[in-house]
Structures are given as structure tokens and as C-alpha cells.
Amino acid sequence: MIKTTATDFKANLGKYLSLVGREEIHITKNGADIAVLVAPESKHSWVDDLTGVIPDADTGVKIIKAKRLAQKYESLD
């Protein structure tokens, strides 16, 4: 865990963004925690979790999105 002041965090944002992948960063103001910066749990899309759930998942995300949009706009006609 890294602890830093809000002023230092603002001045060195790039440094802390590169460190957040390794550990949590607690940001303080007047000695009290005001925020905690953590890396996301996963680097992949939620769509990747649906493998096997979506029919024809092998077709790819772009094709699935295009099909859903076409269905959505067909129902408006």
C-alpha cells in the first residue's frame, strides 16, 4: 500500500498510475484517507466472460453487436 497526499498525487499523477498495477494507492487530505486507487480486476471485456453463452459466439463480438443493432432497429419499423 502506498499512501500519498492529494497534492502530491495531483502533481505526480503519471507516476501513481504506473504504480497502481502493483499495489493500492491511498490518497489523503489533512491526514485522512479520501480515496483509494486500485487497478481493475480484469483486463478483458465482460463479453469474454460470455463465451459459450451467446449463440454463435465464434462469430466475434463485432458481428454479434451488428446483429443486435439490426434487430433493434428492425423492431422500430
Protein backbone atom coordinates (compact mmCIF):
# COMPACT_ATOMS: atom_id res chain seq x y z
CA MET A 1 0.00 0.00 0.00
CA ILE A 2 1.23 3.46 -0.94
CA LYS A 3 0.00 6.47 0.98
CA THR A 4 0.25 9.96 -0.55
CA THR A 5 -1.26 13.39 -0.11
CA ALA A 6 -3.79 14.73 -2.59
CA THR A 7 -1.37 17.50 -3.57
CA ASP A 8 1.45 15.03 -4.29
CA PHE A 9 -0.94 12.73 -6.16
CA LYS A 10 -2.09 15.58 -8.39
CA ALA A 11 1.49 16.69 -9.09
CA ASN A 12 2.70 13.14 -9.89
CA LEU A 13 -0.36 11.51 -11.45
CA GLY A 14 1.62 9.62 -14.12
CA LYS A 15 3.91 8.06 -11.53
CA TYR A 16 0.97 6.81 -9.45
CA LEU A 17 -0.90 5.49 -12.48
CA SER A 18 2.09 3.32 -13.31
CA LEU A 19 2.37 2.09 -9.70
CA VAL A 20 -1.31 1.25 -9.19
CA GLY A 21 -0.96 -2.04 -11.07
CA ARG A 22 1.30 -3.33 -8.32
CA GLU A 23 -0.40 -2.02 -5.17
CA GLU A 24 -3.24 0.14 -3.85
CA ILE A 25 -2.69 3.88 -3.51
CA HIS A 26 -4.38 5.64 -0.59
CA ILE A 27 -4.81 9.37 -1.14
CA THR A 28 -5.03 11.53 1.97
CA LYS A 29 -6.10 15.06 2.75
CA ASN A 30 -5.39 16.57 6.16
CA GLY A 31 -4.16 13.14 7.29
CA ALA A 32 -7.40 11.28 6.49
CA ASP A 33 -7.98 8.91 3.57
CA ILE A 34 -10.21 10.50 0.95
CA ALA A 35 -9.76 7.98 -1.87
CA VAL A 36 -8.21 4.64 -2.76
CA LEU A 37 -6.90 3.99 -6.25
CA VAL A 38 -6.88 0.33 -7.29
CA ALA A 39 -6.25 -1.44 -10.58
CA PRO A 40 -9.24 -3.09 -12.28
CA GLU A 41 -9.70 -6.77 -11.50
CA SER A 42 -9.61 -7.83 -15.10
CA LYS A 43 -8.05 -6.60 -18.30
CA HIS A 44 -10.58 -8.34 -20.56
CA SER A 45 -14.02 -7.33 -21.66
CA TRP A 46 -17.18 -8.65 -19.99
CA VAL A 47 -18.07 -10.09 -23.38
CA ASP A 48 -15.17 -12.53 -22.98
CA ASP A 49 -16.96 -13.97 -19.93
CA LEU A 50 -19.97 -14.88 -22.08
CA THR A 51 -18.11 -17.41 -24.20
CA GLY A 52 -20.43 -20.34 -24.72
CA VAL A 53 -23.46 -18.38 -23.51
CA ILE A 54 -24.05 -16.32 -26.63
CA PRO A 55 -25.26 -18.38 -29.59
CA ASP A 56 -22.66 -18.46 -32.36
CA ALA A 57 -20.01 -16.94 -30.07
CA ASP A 58 -17.35 -17.91 -32.58
CA THR A 59 -18.60 -15.21 -34.94
CA GLY A 60 -16.95 -12.47 -32.94
CA VAL A 61 -18.07 -9.51 -30.90
CA LYS A 62 -18.40 -7.09 -33.83
CA ILE A 63 -20.75 -9.39 -35.71
CA ILE A 64 -22.86 -10.02 -32.60
CA LYS A 65 -23.15 -6.28 -31.99
CA ALA A 66 -24.14 -5.68 -35.61
CA LYS A 67 -26.84 -8.38 -35.41
CA ARG A 68 -28.27 -6.92 -32.20
CA LEU A 69 -28.36 -3.41 -33.63
CA ALA A 70 -30.09 -4.66 -36.77
CA GLN A 71 -32.71 -6.45 -34.64
CA LYS A 72 -33.22 -3.35 -32.52
CA TYR A 73 -33.81 -1.09 -35.50
CA GLU A 74 -35.97 -3.64 -37.33
CA SER A 75 -38.38 -3.58 -34.41
CA LEU A 76 -38.74 0.21 -34.77
CA ASP A 77 -40.05 -0.08 -38.34
